[in-house]
């Protein structure tokens, strides 16, 4: 048994063990039923432990001391033993503040709207208050300010999402359209799976290089603050960014797009083997699901049918993390496909000269004129959606090596 850990109801998808053990100590995940929480806390089996939903309030009556910040928020997420007493803190405050600071999200004198009314709302509301926000508005499904009349708050400067809408496995969710906020300067989404919710993708489109963040940096930062409480020492905050980058790297999919015959599948397999990642080809997954080759699907059922099947497959594989994903050549024709792939993906466009493309067995790309027309139709889309471009006019192994050498640090 470790000396530190996390209690909660369901912890199967928790990143906490990974994060804390990257800071150099063993860390347990302890799933408890509600009637087991009191005995666990009072047993003092652990020198320190974290608390996640739904027990952040449940543990409070059993503590000897509660920090002022935790009192203000009304919940505790970190408990330590100090001089035989149980002391409770809320490190989410530090975590959210750190994430905002790194993203360049300013709260002072800003109008802030907070989506949701749960525990993370309380953290965001407290932070906005102590940072001097001009106005703070809670948006919930019921009450004075809700999603039906949110238009009266389209002048907000900062939007904070504390709801689970858009979280895995329901990645398609989007509570509001950020494009309606003409004064938008900052956006924070407490969700970290997927890495980019639909609302975060919208924020990136609107705000550019900074002014937004997902919940991963908050998660790691609050864990680091808990670590400082566990050991009564302060570790350099640089460890936060290091762990965030390591987790982001391990969870980000490498998505390969490009013309039919540009080598997406062969390069993807070579890349997967070199960096020891699982590989999936969306066309092959469609073949397995439909029981016939993609070319036959298109010939017998038509391209619109195939595109619908492709979009459904893309939604499914986009929820994976840490994969190499090779896509069909026409995946870029639907914006919904690319938004789904970008939720967890870094998109690489394999750029190959038209004369070097292979079109055997591809019914939509027969003949020189057809190839040229297809390329003309899609090249701007490949460029638009690509996070990076890789030259695919060289041998497969070289393409894969070049991606690792030249593009890896951009992910």
Foldseek 3Di string as FASTA:
>chain_A
DFQEEEEEADCPPPCLQVLVVLVPGGYDYHHDDLVCQLVVQVVSSHQKYFYDPPCQQVCVVNFPEEDPVCVQLRGFTMWGADPNTIYTYHLLLVLVVVQCVVQVAALAQFEEEEEDDDSVVSSVVVNSVVRHHPHYHYEYCDDDHYLVPCLVVLQGAEYEYPDCACAPPNNQGDSDQNVSNPNHQAYEALHPQLPAGLNNVNVCVVHPPGRYGYNQLSVSSSSQVSVCVSVVHHDDPVSSVVSSVVVLLQFAEEEEEEAAQLCLVVLQVLLCVVVVFAEDELQVVLCVVVVHHLLVCCVPVNDVVSLVSSQVSLLVCLSGTRYYYYYHHCLLVDPSSLSSNVSRYQYEYADEDLVNGDCPSPVQQDDPVSSVVSCVVCVVSSVVSHPYYFHSHDDSNVRSVCCVVPVSVVD
